PDB file of N, CA and C in Angstrom:
ATOM      1  N   MET A   1     148.279  25.833  94.969  1.00  0.00           N
ATOM      2  CA  MET A   1     147.750  25.982  93.846  1.00  0.00           C
ATOM      3  C   MET A   1     146.127  25.917  93.735  1.00  0.00           C
ATOM      4  N   ARG A   2     145.787  25.083  94.418  1.00  0.00           N
ATOM      5  CA  ARG A   2     144.576  25.035  94.660  1.00  0.00           C
ATOM      6  C   ARG A   2     143.417  25.823  95.521  1.00  0.00           C
ATOM      7  N   GLN A   3     144.387  26.890  96.011  1.00  0.00           N
ATOM      8  CA  GLN A   3     143.926  27.532  97.070  1.00  0.00           C
ATOM      9  C   GLN A   3     142.642  28.290  96.975  1.00  0.00           C
ATOM     10  N   GLN A   4     142.502  29.035  95.243  1.00  0.00           N
ATOM     11  CA  GLN A   4     141.192  29.098  95.388  1.00  0.00           C
ATOM     12  C   GLN A   4     140.187  28.575  95.452  1.00  0.00           C
ATOM     13  N   GLU A   5     140.290  27.198  95.093  1.00  0.00           N
ATOM     14  CA  GLU A   5     138.909  26.343  95.109  1.00  0.00           C
ATOM     15  C   GLU A   5     138.704  25.870  96.577  1.00  0.00           C
ATOM     16  N   VAL A   6     139.457  26.018  97.384  1.00  0.00           N
ATOM     17  CA  VAL A   6     139.397  26.283  99.039  1.00  0.00           C
ATOM     18  C   VAL A   6     138.921  27.276  99.223  1.00  0.00           C
ATOM     19  N   LEU A   7     139.281  28.630  98.712  1.00  0.00           N
ATOM     20  CA  LEU A   7     138.432  29.562  99.171  1.00  0.00           C
ATOM     21  C   LEU A   7     136.969  29.531  98.680  1.00  0.00           C
ATOM     22  N   ASN A   8     136.832  29.678  97.531  1.00  0.00           N
ATOM     23  CA  ASN A   8     135.647  30.117  96.466  1.00  0.00           C
ATOM     24  C   ASN A   8     134.656  28.743  96.469  1.00  0.00           C
ATOM     25  N   GLY A   9     135.429  27.762  96.475  1.00  0.00           N
ATOM     26  CA  GLY A   9     134.149  26.588  96.544  1.00  0.00           C
ATOM     27  C   GLY A   9     134.763  25.893  94.872  1.00  0.00           C
ATOM     28  N   ILE A  10     133.847  24.766  94.606  1.00  0.00           N
ATOM     29  CA  ILE A  10     133.942  24.489  93.065  1.00  0.00           C
ATOM     30  C   ILE A  10     132.726  24.002  93.419  1.00  0.00           C
ATOM     31  N   ALA A  11     132.382  24.474  91.273  1.00  0.00           N
ATOM     32  CA  ALA A  11     130.985  24.196  90.972  1.00  0.00           C
ATOM     33  C   ALA A  11     130.886  22.593  91.634  1.00  0.00           C
ATOM     34  N   VAL A  12     129.085  22.721  92.425  1.00  0.00           N
ATOM     35  CA  VAL A  12     128.632  21.242  92.147  1.00  0.00           C
ATOM     36  C   VAL A  12     127.770  21.322  91.314  1.00  0.00           C
ATOM     37  N   THR A  13     127.095  20.023  90.466  1.00  0.00           N
ATOM     38  CA  THR A  13     126.229  19.892  89.530  1.00  0.00           C
ATOM     39  C   THR A  13     125.250  18.710  90.006  1.00  0.00           C
ATOM     40  N   ASP A  14     123.959  18.883  89.486  1.00  0.00           N
ATOM     41  CA  ASP A  14     123.170  17.760  89.768  1.00  0.00           C
ATOM     42  C   ASP A  14     123.247  16.321  89.074  1.00  0.00           C
ATOM     43  N   GLU A  15     122.924  15.130  89.073  1.00  0.00           N
ATOM     44  CA  GLU A  15     122.738  14.460  88.282  1.00  0.00           C
ATOM     45  C   GLU A  15     122.741  14.175  86.836  1.00  0.00           C
ATOM     46  N   ASN A  16     122.155  15.231  86.214  1.00  0.00           N
ATOM     47  CA  ASN A  16     122.161  15.786  84.763  1.00  0.00           C
ATOM     48  C   ASN A  16     123.258  16.464  84.615  1.00  0.00           C
ATOM     49  N   GLY A  17     124.157  17.098  85.136  1.00  0.00           N
ATOM     50  CA  GLY A  17     124.884  18.122  84.883  1.00  0.00           C
ATOM     51  C   GLY A  17     124.424  19.739  85.053  1.00  0.00           C
ATOM     52  N   ASN A  18     123.458  19.923  85.744  1.00  0.00           N
ATOM     53  CA  ASN A  18     123.027  21.109  85.967  1.00  0.00           C
ATOM     54  C   ASN A  18     123.530  21.979  86.928  1.00  0.00           C
ATOM     55  N   LYS A  19     124.128  23.048  87.377  1.00  0.00           N
ATOM     56  CA  LYS A  19     125.375  23.548  87.836  1.00  0.00           C
ATOM     57  C   LYS A  19     124.186  23.974  89.441  1.00  0.00           C
ATOM     58  N   LEU A  20     124.414  23.770  90.475  1.00  0.00           N
ATOM     59  CA  LEU A  20     123.922  23.917  91.798  1.00  0.00           C
ATOM     60  C   LEU A  20     124.502  25.208  92.866  1.00  0.00           C
ATOM     61  N   GLY A  21     125.565  24.959  92.458  1.00  0.00           N
ATOM     62  CA  GLY A  21     126.395  26.626  93.008  1.00  0.00           C
ATOM     63  C   GLY A  21     127.762  25.690  93.234  1.00  0.00           C
ATOM     64  N   HIS A  22     128.479  26.480  94.078  1.00  0.00           N
ATOM     65  CA  HIS A  22     130.048  26.411  94.717  1.00  0.00           C
ATOM     66  C   HIS A  22     129.657  25.845  96.003  1.00  0.00           C
ATOM     67  N   SER A  23     130.771  24.750  96.195  1.00  0.00           N
ATOM     68  CA  SER A  23     131.029  24.314  97.794  1.00  0.00           C
ATOM     69  C   SER A  23     132.356  24.322  97.826  1.00  0.00           C
ATOM     70  N   LYS A  24     132.519  24.540  99.518  1.00  0.00           N
ATOM     71  CA  LYS A  24     134.161  24.797  99.243  1.00  0.00           C
ATOM     72  C   LYS A  24     134.498  23.276 100.264  1.00  0.00           C
ATOM     73  N   LYS A  25     133.247  22.462 101.028  1.00  0.00           N
ATOM     74  CA  LYS A  25     133.277  21.154 101.511  1.00  0.00           C
ATOM     75  C   LYS A  25     133.902  20.373 100.327  1.00  0.00           C
ATOM     76  N   ALA A  26     133.225  20.624  99.381  1.00  0.00           N
ATOM     77  CA  ALA A  26     133.299  19.125  98.074  1.00  0.00           C
ATOM     78  C   ALA A  26     134.889  20.027  97.449  1.00  0.00           C
ATOM     79  N   ALA A  27     135.289  20.852  97.873  1.00  0.00           N
ATOM     80  CA  ALA A  27     136.530  21.589  97.213  1.00  0.00           C
ATOM     81  C   ALA A  27     137.147  20.558  97.994  1.00  0.00           C
ATOM     82  N   VAL A  28     137.383  20.697  99.190  1.00  0.00           N
ATOM     83  CA  VAL A  28     138.321  19.990 100.061  1.00  0.00           C
ATOM     84  C   VAL A  28     138.080  18.442 100.216  1.00  0.00           C
ATOM     85  N   LYS A  29     137.037  17.731  99.859  1.00  0.00           N
ATOM     86  CA  LYS A  29     136.670  16.847  99.495  1.00  0.00           C
ATOM     87  C   LYS A  29     137.855  15.717  98.525  1.00  0.00           C
ATOM     88  N   GLY A  30     137.552  16.781  97.513  1.00  0.00           N
ATOM     89  CA  GLY A  30     138.139  16.182  96.101  1.00  0.00           C
ATOM     90  C   GLY A  30     139.574  16.799  95.888  1.00  0.00           C
ATOM     91  N   ILE A  31     140.196  17.886  96.966  1.00  0.00           N
ATOM     92  CA  ILE A  31     141.781  17.967  96.938  1.00  0.00           C
ATOM     93  C   ILE A  31     142.324  16.970  97.866  1.00  0.00           C
ATOM     94  N   THR A  32     141.710  16.253  99.274  1.00  0.00           N
ATOM     95  CA  THR A  32     142.023  15.245 100.037  1.00  0.00           C
ATOM     96  C   THR A  32     141.803  13.966  99.075  1.00  0.00           C
ATOM     97  N   GLN A  33     141.229  13.499  98.436  1.00  0.00           N
ATOM     98  CA  GLN A  33     141.243  12.700  97.282  1.00  0.00           C
ATOM     99  C   GLN A  33     142.573  12.401  96.248  1.00  0.00           C
ATOM    100  N   VAL A  34     143.207  13.901  95.866  1.00  0.00           N
ATOM    101  CA  VAL A  34     143.896  13.918  94.405  1.00  0.00           C
ATOM    102  C   VAL A  34     144.832  13.674  95.586  1.00  0.00           C
ATOM    103  N   VAL A  35     145.315  14.057  96.856  1.00  0.00           N
ATOM    104  CA  VAL A  35     146.649  14.171  97.661  1.00  0.00           C
ATOM    105  C   VAL A  35     146.863  12.798  97.627  1.00  0.00           C
ATOM    106  N   VAL A  36     145.372  12.012  98.097  1.00  0.00           N
ATOM    107  CA  VAL A  36     146.102  10.745  98.563  1.00  0.00           C
ATOM    108  C   VAL A  36     146.572   9.745  97.372  1.00  0.00           C
ATOM    109  N   SER A  37     145.752  10.006  96.615  1.00  0.00           N
ATOM    110  CA  SER A  37     145.936   9.035  95.020  1.00  0.00           C
ATOM    111  C   SER A  37     147.420   9.858  94.481  1.00  0.00           C
ATOM    112  N   ARG A  38     147.963  10.863  94.956  1.00  0.00           N
ATOM    113  CA  ARG A  38     149.817  11.464  94.468  1.00  0.00           C
ATOM    114  C   ARG A  38     150.422  10.565  95.565  1.00  0.00           C
ATOM    115  N   ILE A  39     150.162  10.435  96.443  1.00  0.00           N
ATOM    116  CA  ILE A  39     150.952   9.756  97.283  1.00  0.00           C
ATOM    117  C   ILE A  39     151.028   8.206  97.236  1.00  0.00           C
ATOM    118  N   THR A  40     149.908   7.382  96.910  1.00  0.00           N
ATOM    119  CA  THR A  40     149.820   6.465  96.397  1.00  0.00           C
ATOM    120  C   THR A  40     150.572   6.060  95.036  1.00  0.00           C
ATOM    121  N   MET A  41     150.706   7.339  94.601  1.00  0.00           N
ATOM    122  CA  MET A  41     151.256   7.166  93.132  1.00  0.00           C
ATOM    123  C   MET A  41     152.875   6.862  93.180  1.00  0.00           C
ATOM    124  N   ALA A  42     153.164   8.263  94.372  1.00  0.00           N
ATOM    125  CA  ALA A  42     154.438   8.391  94.534  1.00  0.00           C
ATOM    126  C   ALA A  42     155.012   6.892  95.976  1.00  0.00           C
ATOM    127  N   ALA A  43     154.743   6.451  96.663  1.00  0.00           N
ATOM    128  CA  ALA A  43     154.834   6.076  97.688  1.00  0.00           C
ATOM    129  C   ALA A  43     156.021   4.574  97.189  1.00  0.00           C
ATOM    130  N   PRO A  44     155.746   3.854  96.505  1.00  0.00           N
ATOM    131  CA  PRO A  44     156.666   2.704  96.210  1.00  0.00           C
ATOM    132  C   PRO A  44     157.656   3.161  95.682  1.00  0.00           C
ATOM    133  N   GLY A  45     157.990   4.012  94.704  1.00  0.00           N
ATOM    134  CA  GLY A  45     159.187   4.424  94.510  1.00  0.00           C
ATOM    135  C   GLY A  45     160.410   5.088  95.514  1.00  0.00           C
ATOM    136  N   MET A  46     159.286   5.690  96.620  1.00  0.00           N
ATOM    137  CA  MET A  46     159.781   6.195  97.346  1.00  0.00           C
ATOM    138  C   MET A  46     160.469   5.681  98.960  1.00  0.00           C
ATOM    139  N   ILE A  47     159.649   4.611  98.481  1.00  0.00           N
ATOM    140  CA  ILE A  47     159.857   3.280 100.152  1.00  0.00           C
ATOM    141  C   ILE A  47     160.552   2.245  99.489  1.00  0.00           C
ATOM    142  N   ILE A  48     160.452   1.559  98.456  1.00  0.00           N
ATOM    143  CA  ILE A  48     160.804  -0.004  98.092  1.00  0.00           C
ATOM    144  C   ILE A  48     161.731  -0.015  97.290  1.00  0.00           C
ATOM    145  N   LEU A  49     161.988   1.386  96.222  1.00  0.00           N
ATOM    146  CA  LEU A  49     163.516   1.592  95.489  1.00  0.00           C
ATOM    147  C   LEU A  49     164.699   1.612  96.546  1.00  0.00           C
ATOM    148  N   PRO A  50     164.471   2.219  97.354  1.00  0.00           N
ATOM    149  CA  PRO A  50     165.784   2.097  98.318  1.00  0.00           C
ATOM    150  C   PRO A  50     166.094   1.119  99.339  1.00  0.00           C
ATOM    151  N   ILE A  51     165.121   0.090  99.254  1.00  0.00           N
ATOM    152  CA  ILE A  51     165.066  -1.089  99.544  1.00  0.00           C
ATOM    153  C   ILE A  51     165.656  -1.800  98.984  1.00  0.00           C
ATOM    154  N   ILE A  52     165.480  -1.817  97.311  1.00  0.00           N
ATOM    155  CA  ILE A  52     165.748  -2.323  96.737  1.00  0.00           C
ATOM    156  C   ILE A  52     167.486  -2.294  96.075  1.00  0.00           C
ATOM    157  N   MET A  53     167.358  -1.081  96.208  1.00  0.00           N
ATOM    158  CA  MET A  53     169.104  -0.043  95.589  1.00  0.00           C
ATOM    159  C   MET A  53     170.136  -1.010  96.797  1.00  0.00           C
ATOM    160  N   GLN A  54     169.899  -1.008  98.068  1.00  0.00           N
ATOM    161  CA  GLN A  54     170.536  -0.876  99.146  1.00  0.00           C
ATOM    162  C   GLN A  54     171.136  -2.550  99.173  1.00  0.00           C
ATOM    163  N   ARG A  55     169.914  -3.514  98.868  1.00  0.00           N
ATOM    164  CA  ARG A  55     170.403  -4.482  98.599  1.00  0.00           C
ATOM    165  C   ARG A  55     171.072  -5.362  97.432  1.00  0.00           C
ATOM    166  N   MET A  56     171.366  -4.596  96.385  1.00  0.00           N
ATOM    167  CA  MET A  56     171.233  -4.777  94.961  1.00  0.00           C
ATOM    168  C   MET A  56     173.093  -4.251  95.247  1.00  0.00           C
ATOM    169  N   GLU A  57     173.387  -3.195  95.982  1.00  0.00           N
ATOM    170  CA  GLU A  57     174.875  -2.741  96.216  1.00  0.00           C
ATOM    171  C   GLU A  57     175.582  -3.478  97.227  1.00  0.00           C
ATOM    172  N   LYS A  58     175.063  -4.652  97.462  1.00  0.00           N
ATOM    173  CA  LYS A  58     175.841  -5.526  98.032  1.00  0.00           C
ATOM    174  C   LYS A  58     176.716  -6.283  97.314  1.00  0.00           C
ATOM    175  N   TYR A  59     176.566  -6.828  95.632  1.00  0.00           N
ATOM    176  CA  TYR A  59     176.571  -7.418  94.903  1.00  0.00           C
ATOM    177  C   TYR A  59     178.010  -6.623  94.245  1.00  0.00           C
ATOM    178  N   LYS A  60     178.959  -7.637  94.057  1.00  0.00           N
ATOM    179  CA  LYS A  60     180.035  -6.971  93.175  1.00  0.00           C
ATOM    180  C   LYS A  60     179.951  -6.302  92.063  1.00  0.00           C
ATOM    181  N   PHE A  61     178.851  -6.514  91.194  1.00  0.00           N
ATOM    182  CA  PHE A  61     179.131  -5.981  89.697  1.00  0.00           C
ATOM    183  C   PHE A  61     178.197  -4.810  89.899  1.00  0.00           C
ATOM    184  N   MET A  62     177.574  -4.414  91.393  1.00  0.00           N
ATOM    185  CA  MET A  62     176.944  -3.142  91.390  1.00  0.00           C
ATOM    186  C   MET A  62     178.066  -2.123  92.181  1.00  0.00           C
ATOM    187  N   GLN A  63     178.889  -2.659  92.721  1.00  0.00           N
ATOM    188  CA  GLN A  63     180.226  -2.429  93.278  1.00  0.00           C
ATOM    189  C   GLN A  63     180.764  -1.624  92.098  1.00  0.00           C
ATOM    190  N   ARG A  64     180.990  -2.284  91.046  1.00  0.00           N
ATOM    191  CA  ARG A  64     182.073  -1.740  90.053  1.00  0.00           C
ATOM    192  C   ARG A  64     181.160  -1.068  88.963  1.00  0.00           C
ATOM    193  N   ILE A  65     179.968  -0.862  89.025  1.00  0.00           N
ATOM    194  CA  ILE A  65     179.291   0.316  88.622  1.00  0.00           C
ATOM    195  C   ILE A  65     178.705   1.462  89.137  1.00  0.00           C
ATOM    196  N   THR A  66     179.096   2.178  89.927  1.00  0.00           N
ATOM    197  CA  THR A  66     178.581   2.883  90.669  1.00  0.00           C
ATOM    198  C   THR A  66     178.061   4.322  89.635  1.00  0.00           C
ATOM    199  N   TYR A  67     178.989   4.253  88.614  1.00  0.00           N
ATOM    200  CA  TYR A  67     178.252   5.610  87.679  1.00  0.00           C
ATOM    201  C   TYR A  67     176.622   5.540  87.245  1.00  0.00           C
ATOM    202  N   LEU A  68     176.233   3.935  87.342  1.00  0.00           N
ATOM    203  CA  LEU A  68     175.110   3.729  86.795  1.00  0.00           C
ATOM    204  C   LEU A  68     174.065   3.700  87.857  1.00  0.00           C
ATOM    205  N   HIS A  69     174.527   3.999  89.075  1.00  0.00           N
ATOM    206  CA  HIS A  69     173.371   3.617  90.089  1.00  0.00           C
ATOM    207  C   HIS A  69     172.052   4.969  90.159  1.00  0.00           C
ATOM    208  N   GLY A  70     172.359   5.857  89.717  1.00  0.00           N
ATOM    209  CA  GLY A  70     171.602   6.570  89.262  1.00  0.00           C
ATOM    210  C   GLY A  70     170.736   6.567  87.611  1.00  0.00           C
ATOM    211  N   PRO A  71     170.698   6.258  86.888  1.00  0.00           N
ATOM    212  CA  PRO A  71     170.163   6.012  85.967  1.00  0.00           C
ATOM    213  C   PRO A  71     169.706   4.666  86.132  1.00  0.00           C
ATOM    214  N   ILE A  72     170.042   3.592  86.847  1.00  0.00           N
ATOM    215  CA  ILE A  72     169.090   2.427  87.284  1.00  0.00           C
ATOM    216  C   ILE A  72     167.808   3.140  87.927  1.00  0.00           C
ATOM    217  N   GLN A  73     168.330   4.014  89.185  1.00  0.00           N
ATOM    218  CA  GLN A  73     167.236   4.235  89.947  1.00  0.00           C
ATOM    219  C   GLN A  73     166.265   4.886  89.128  1.00  0.00           C
ATOM    220  N   VAL A  74     166.543   5.883  87.907  1.00  0.00           N
ATOM    221  CA  VAL A  74     165.174   6.470  87.421  1.00  0.00           C
ATOM    222  C   VAL A  74     164.916   5.394  86.717  1.00  0.00           C
ATOM    223  N   MET A  75     165.429   4.469  86.124  1.00  0.00           N
ATOM    224  CA  MET A  75     164.583   3.668  85.410  1.00  0.00           C
ATOM    225  C   MET A  75     163.693   2.824  86.212  1.00  0.00           C
ATOM    226  N   LEU A  76     163.959   2.392  87.346  1.00  0.00           N
ATOM    227  CA  LEU A  76     163.426   1.766  88.373  1.00  0.00           C
ATOM    228  C   LEU A  76     162.297   2.823  89.035  1.00  0.00           C
ATOM    229  N   VAL A  77     162.098   3.958  88.774  1.00  0.00           N
ATOM    230  CA  VAL A  77     161.411   5.120  89.304  1.00  0.00           C
ATOM    231  C   VAL A  77     160.433   5.122  88.091  1.00  0.00           C
ATOM    232  N   GLY A  78     160.693   4.925  87.415  1.00  0.00           N
ATOM    233  CA  GLY A  78     159.598   4.840  85.639  1.00  0.00           C
ATOM    234  C   GLY A  78     159.430   3.756  85.893  1.00  0.00           C
ATOM    235  N   ALA A  79     159.791   2.328  85.811  1.00  0.00           N
ATOM    236  CA  ALA A  79     158.938   0.867  85.915  1.00  0.00           C
ATOM    237  C   ALA A  79     157.897   1.133  87.056  1.00  0.00           C
ATOM    238  N   PHE A  80     157.756   1.783  88.305  1.00  0.00           N
ATOM    239  CA  PHE A  80     156.907   1.918  89.431  1.00  0.00           C
ATOM    240  C   PHE A  80     155.999   2.818  88.817  1.00  0.00           C
ATOM    241  N   LEU A  81     156.571   4.092  88.415  1.00  0.00           N
ATOM    242  CA  LEU A  81     154.774   4.993  87.939  1.00  0.00           C
ATOM    243  C   LEU A  81     154.214   4.665  86.395  1.00  0.00           C
ATOM    244  N   VAL A  82     155.084   3.323  85.349  1.00  0.00           N
ATOM    245  CA  VAL A  82     154.130   2.682  84.425  1.00  0.00           C
ATOM    246  C   VAL A  82     152.640   2.071  85.522  1.00  0.00           C
ATOM    247  N   PHE A  83     153.001   1.348  86.310  1.00  0.00           N
ATOM    248  CA  PHE A  83     151.926   0.774  87.001  1.00  0.00           C
ATOM    249  C   PHE A  83     151.472   1.531  88.242  1.00  0.00           C
ATOM    250  N   MET A  84     151.857   2.414  88.513  1.00  0.00           N
ATOM    251  CA  MET A  84     151.602   3.003  90.043  1.00  0.00           C
ATOM    252  C   MET A  84     150.421   4.085  89.167  1.00  0.00           C
ATOM    253  N   VAL A  85     150.557   4.798  88.230  1.00  0.00           N
ATOM    254  CA  VAL A  85     149.738   6.153  87.793  1.00  0.00           C
ATOM    255  C   VAL A  85     148.552   5.507  87.572  1.00  0.00           C
ATOM    256  N   PRO A  86     148.390   4.364  86.522  1.00  0.00           N
ATOM    257  CA  PRO A  86     147.265   4.324  86.392  1.00  0.00           C
ATOM    258  C   PRO A  86     146.546   3.625  87.684  1.00  0.00           C
ATOM    259  N   ALA A  87     146.793   2.725  88.527  1.00  0.00           N
ATOM    260  CA  ALA A  87     146.507   2.385  89.704  1.00  0.00           C
ATOM    261  C   ALA A  87     146.191   3.303  90.854  1.00  0.00           C
ATOM    262  N   ALA A  88     146.907   4.549  90.864  1.00  0.00           N
ATOM    263  CA  ALA A  88     146.499   5.891  91.740  1.00  0.00           C
ATOM    264  C   ALA A  88     145.500   6.652  90.974  1.00  0.00           C
ATOM    265  N   CYS A  89     145.028   6.504  89.791  1.00  0.00           N
ATOM    266  CA  CYS A  89     144.225   7.602  89.332  1.00  0.00           C
ATOM    267  C   CYS A  89     142.878   6.594  89.351  1.00  0.00           C
ATOM    268  N   SER A  90     142.903   5.434  89.390  1.00  0.00           N
ATOM    269  CA  SER A  90     141.925   4.525  89.824  1.00  0.00           C
ATOM    270  C   SER A  90     141.071   4.799  91.153  1.00  0.00           C
ATOM    271  N   LEU A  91     141.696   4.810  92.114  1.00  0.00           N
ATOM    272  CA  LEU A  91     141.534   4.988  93.385  1.00  0.00           C
ATOM    273  C   LEU A  91     139.928   5.614  93.966  1.00  0.00           C
ATOM    274  N   PHE A  92     139.746   6.961  93.196  1.00  0.00           N
ATOM    275  CA  PHE A  92     138.687   7.167  93.050  1.00  0.00           C
ATOM    276  C   PHE A  92     138.046   7.635  91.998  1.00  0.00           C
ATOM    277  N   PRO A  93     136.724   7.692  92.193  1.00  0.00           N
ATOM    278  CA  PRO A  93     136.074   8.382  90.798  1.00  0.00           C
ATOM    279  C   PRO A  93     136.543   9.514  90.269  1.00  0.00           C
ATOM    280  N   GLN A  94     136.505  10.205  88.949  1.00  0.00           N
ATOM    281  CA  GLN A  94     137.035  11.869  88.644  1.00  0.00           C
ATOM    282  C   GLN A  94     135.687  12.364  88.737  1.00  0.00           C
ATOM    283  N   ARG A  95     134.431  12.034  88.899  1.00  0.00           N
ATOM    284  CA  ARG A  95     133.359  12.695  89.091  1.00  0.00           C
ATOM    285  C   ARG A  95     132.808  12.243  90.834  1.00  0.00           C
ATOM    286  N   CYS A  96     133.354  12.647  91.304  1.00  0.00           N
ATOM    287  CA  CYS A  96     132.792  12.349  92.963  1.00  0.00           C
ATOM    288  C   CYS A  96     131.080  12.720  93.146  1.00  0.00           C
ATOM    289  N   SER A  97     131.015  12.328  94.331  1.00  0.00           N
ATOM    290  CA  SER A  97     129.128  12.774  94.864  1.00  0.00           C
ATOM    291  C   SER A  97     129.629  13.174  96.157  1.00  0.00           C
ATOM    292  N   MET A  98     128.449  14.094  96.648  1.00  0.00           N
ATOM    293  CA  MET A  98     128.525  14.227  97.885  1.00  0.00           C
ATOM    294  C   MET A  98     127.092  14.539  98.362  1.00  0.00           C
ATOM    295  N   ALA A  99     126.688  13.956  99.377  1.00  0.00           N
ATOM    296  CA  ALA A  99     124.954  13.715  99.808  1.00  0.00           C
ATOM    297  C   ALA A  99     125.195  15.553 100.362  1.00  0.00           C
ATOM    298  N   VAL A 100     123.795  16.207  99.659  1.00  0.00           N
ATOM    299  CA  VAL A 100     123.570  17.537 100.056  1.00  0.00           C
ATOM    300  C   VAL A 100     123.147  17.587 101.307  1.00  0.00           C
ATOM    301  N   SER A 101     123.194  16.880 101.952  1.00  0.00           N
ATOM    302  CA  SER A 101     122.986  16.899 103.620  1.00  0.00           C
ATOM    303  C   SER A 101     124.509  17.435 104.124  1.00  0.00           C
ATOM    304  N   LYS A 102     125.395  16.959 103.682  1.00  0.00           N
ATOM    305  CA  LYS A 102     127.127  17.592 103.599  1.00  0.00           C
ATOM    306  C   LYS A 102     127.694  18.883 103.192  1.00  0.00           C
ATOM    307  N   LEU A 103     126.681  19.359 102.628  1.00  0.00           N
ATOM    308  CA  LEU A 103     127.256  20.473 101.795  1.00  0.00           C
ATOM    309  C   LEU A 103     126.908  21.604 103.462  1.00  0.00           C
ATOM    310  N   GLU A 104     127.690  23.198 102.669  1.00  0.00           N
ATOM    311  CA  GLU A 104     127.575  23.855 103.578  1.00  0.00           C
ATOM    312  C   GLU A 104     125.948  24.420 103.583  1.00  0.00           C
ATOM    313  N   PRO A 105     125.551  24.984 105.070  1.00  0.00           N
ATOM    314  CA  PRO A 105     124.313  25.174 105.239  1.00  0.00           C
ATOM    315  C   PRO A 105     123.614  26.241 104.162  1.00  0.00           C
ATOM    316  N   GLU A 106     123.986  27.165 103.753  1.00  0.00           N
ATOM    317  CA  GLU A 106     123.551  28.004 102.812  1.00  0.00           C
ATOM    318  C   GLU A 106     123.024  27.485 101.369  1.00  0.00           C
ATOM    319  N   LEU A 107     123.985  26.848 101.211  1.00  0.00           N
ATOM    320  CA  LEU A 107     124.293  25.718  99.503  1.00  0.00           C
ATOM    321  C   LEU A 107     123.232  24.997  99.427  1.00  0.00           C
ATOM    322  N   ARG A 108     122.914  24.115 101.072  1.00  0.00           N
ATOM    323  CA  ARG A 108     122.287  23.249 101.145  1.00  0.00           C
ATOM    324  C   ARG A 108     120.527  23.871 100.949  1.00  0.00           C
ATOM    325  N   ASP A 109     120.319  24.740 101.755  1.00  0.00           N
ATOM    326  CA  ASP A 109     119.178  25.162 102.214  1.00  0.00           C
ATOM    327  C   ASP A 109     118.794  26.205 100.482  1.00  0.00           C
ATOM    328  N   SER A 110     119.850  26.427  99.859  1.00  0.00           N
ATOM    329  CA  SER A 110     119.491  26.852  98.275  1.00  0.00           C
ATOM    330  C   SER A 110     119.018  26.300  97.532  1.00  0.00           C
ATOM    331  N   ILE A 111     119.432  24.851  97.434  1.00  0.00           N
ATOM    332  CA  ILE A 111     119.147  23.553  96.381  1.00  0.00           C
ATOM    333  C   ILE A 111     118.158  22.689  97.100  1.00  0.00           C
ATOM    334  N   VAL A 112     117.930  22.980  98.229  1.00  0.00           N
ATOM    335  CA  VAL A 112     116.619  22.499  98.702  1.00  0.00           C
ATOM    336  C   VAL A 112     115.066  23.468  98.638  1.00  0.00           C
ATOM    337  N   SER A 113     115.310  24.586  98.634  1.00  0.00           N
ATOM    338  CA  SER A 113     114.417  25.823  98.217  1.00  0.00           C
ATOM    339  C   SER A 113     114.339  25.343  96.922  1.00  0.00           C
ATOM    340  N   GLN A 114     115.032  25.052  95.895  1.00  0.00           N
ATOM    341  CA  GLN A 114     114.868  25.274  94.762  1.00  0.00           C
ATOM    342  C   GLN A 114     114.277  23.448  94.141  1.00  0.00           C
ATOM    343  N   TYR A 115     114.874  22.759  94.717  1.00  0.00           N
ATOM    344  CA  TYR A 115     114.517  21.488  94.175  1.00  0.00           C
ATOM    345  C   TYR A 115     113.860  20.539  94.887  1.00  0.00           C
ATOM    346  N   GLY A 116     113.612  21.140  96.290  1.00  0.00           N
ATOM    347  CA  GLY A 116     113.212  19.774  97.237  1.00  0.00           C
ATOM    348  C   GLY A 116     113.681  18.992  97.386  1.00  0.00           C
ATOM    349  N   GLN A 117     113.462  17.970  97.631  1.00  0.00           N
ATOM    350  CA  GLN A 117     113.989  16.932  98.065  1.00  0.00           C
ATOM    351  C   GLN A 117     114.468  15.909  96.854  1.00  0.00           C
ATOM    352  N   ALA A 118     114.429  16.114  95.688  1.00  0.00           N
ATOM    353  CA  ALA A 118     114.358  15.609  94.209  1.00  0.00           C
ATOM    354  C   ALA A 118     115.970  15.605  94.186  1.00  0.00           C
ATOM    355  N   VAL A 119     116.753  16.213  94.725  1.00  0.00           N
ATOM    356  CA  VAL A 119     118.391  16.234  94.313  1.00  0.00           C
ATOM    357  C   VAL A 119     118.715  15.620  95.833  1.00  0.00           C
ATOM    358  N   LYS A 120     119.292  14.355  95.769  1.00  0.00           N
ATOM    359  CA  LYS A 120     119.885  13.927  97.408  1.00  0.00           C
ATOM    360  C   LYS A 120     121.604  14.047  97.252  1.00  0.00           C
ATOM    361  N   HIS A 121     121.916  14.192  95.775  1.00  0.00           N
ATOM    362  CA  HIS A 121     123.484  14.027  95.412  1.00  0.00           C
ATOM    363  C   HIS A 121     124.070  15.086  94.990  1.00  0.00           C
ATOM    364  N   VAL A 122     125.102  15.452  95.253  1.00  0.00           N
ATOM    365  CA  VAL A 122     125.881  16.743  94.090  1.00  0.00           C
ATOM    366  C   VAL A 122     126.966  15.638  93.459  1.00  0.00           C
ATOM    367  N   TYR A 123     127.646  16.613  92.685  1.00  0.00           N
ATOM    368  CA  TYR A 123     128.586  15.819  91.945  1.00  0.00           C
ATOM    369  C   TYR A 123     129.680  16.902  91.616  1.00  0.00           C
ATOM    370  N   PHE A 124     130.701  16.835  91.970  1.00  0.00           N
ATOM    371  CA  PHE A 124     131.915  17.534  91.190  1.00  0.00           C
ATOM    372  C   PHE A 124     133.040  16.940  90.525  1.00  0.00           C
ATOM    373  N   ASN A 125     133.482  17.477  89.917  1.00  0.00           N
ATOM    374  CA  ASN A 125     134.879  17.297  89.258  1.00  0.00           C
ATOM    375  C   ASN A 125     136.199  16.984  90.430  1.00  0.00           C
ATOM    376  N   LYS A 126     136.854  16.352  90.813  1.00  0.00           N
ATOM    377  CA  LYS A 126     137.990  16.246  92.060  1.00  0.00           C
ATOM    378  C   LYS A 126     139.127  16.695  91.431  1.00  0.00           C
ATOM    379  N   GLY A 127     139.105  16.759  89.514  1.00  0.00           N
ATOM    380  CA  GLY A 127     140.661  17.038  89.456  1.00  0.00           C
ATOM    381  C   GLY A 127     141.236  16.374  89.460  1.00  0.00           C
ATOM    382  N   LEU A 128     142.574  16.243  88.915  1.00  0.00           N
ATOM    383  CA  LEU A 128     144.077  15.385  88.925  1.00  0.00           C
ATOM    384  C   LEU A 128     145.076  15.237  89.851  1.00  0.00           C
TER     385      LEU A 128
END
């Protein structure tokens, strides 16, 4: 889905929002952060919920209401997501920064030739 960003790069700007070019390395960094945050968002529901359900199924009342196991699991996943979505989204800033020295050589040279050493970091939107 974000393949075009990796192939073509994403827009990088200076601290004032002036567009400096497109960077593939910035795209990879942003996508990596999004993947980590999405895994963090889903992990509790996928790891903790089966443990909870396994323990609850030992009780007699849970053995009598097997038809409610599905809805109970959906409600518990929803409860996990209520807390995990904000927590996972706050792991990384929406507007990421990257040192100019870590950019592709051609983009780095272009920035240095235009702005000299005035621009130390570039900024980009990591996405959701």
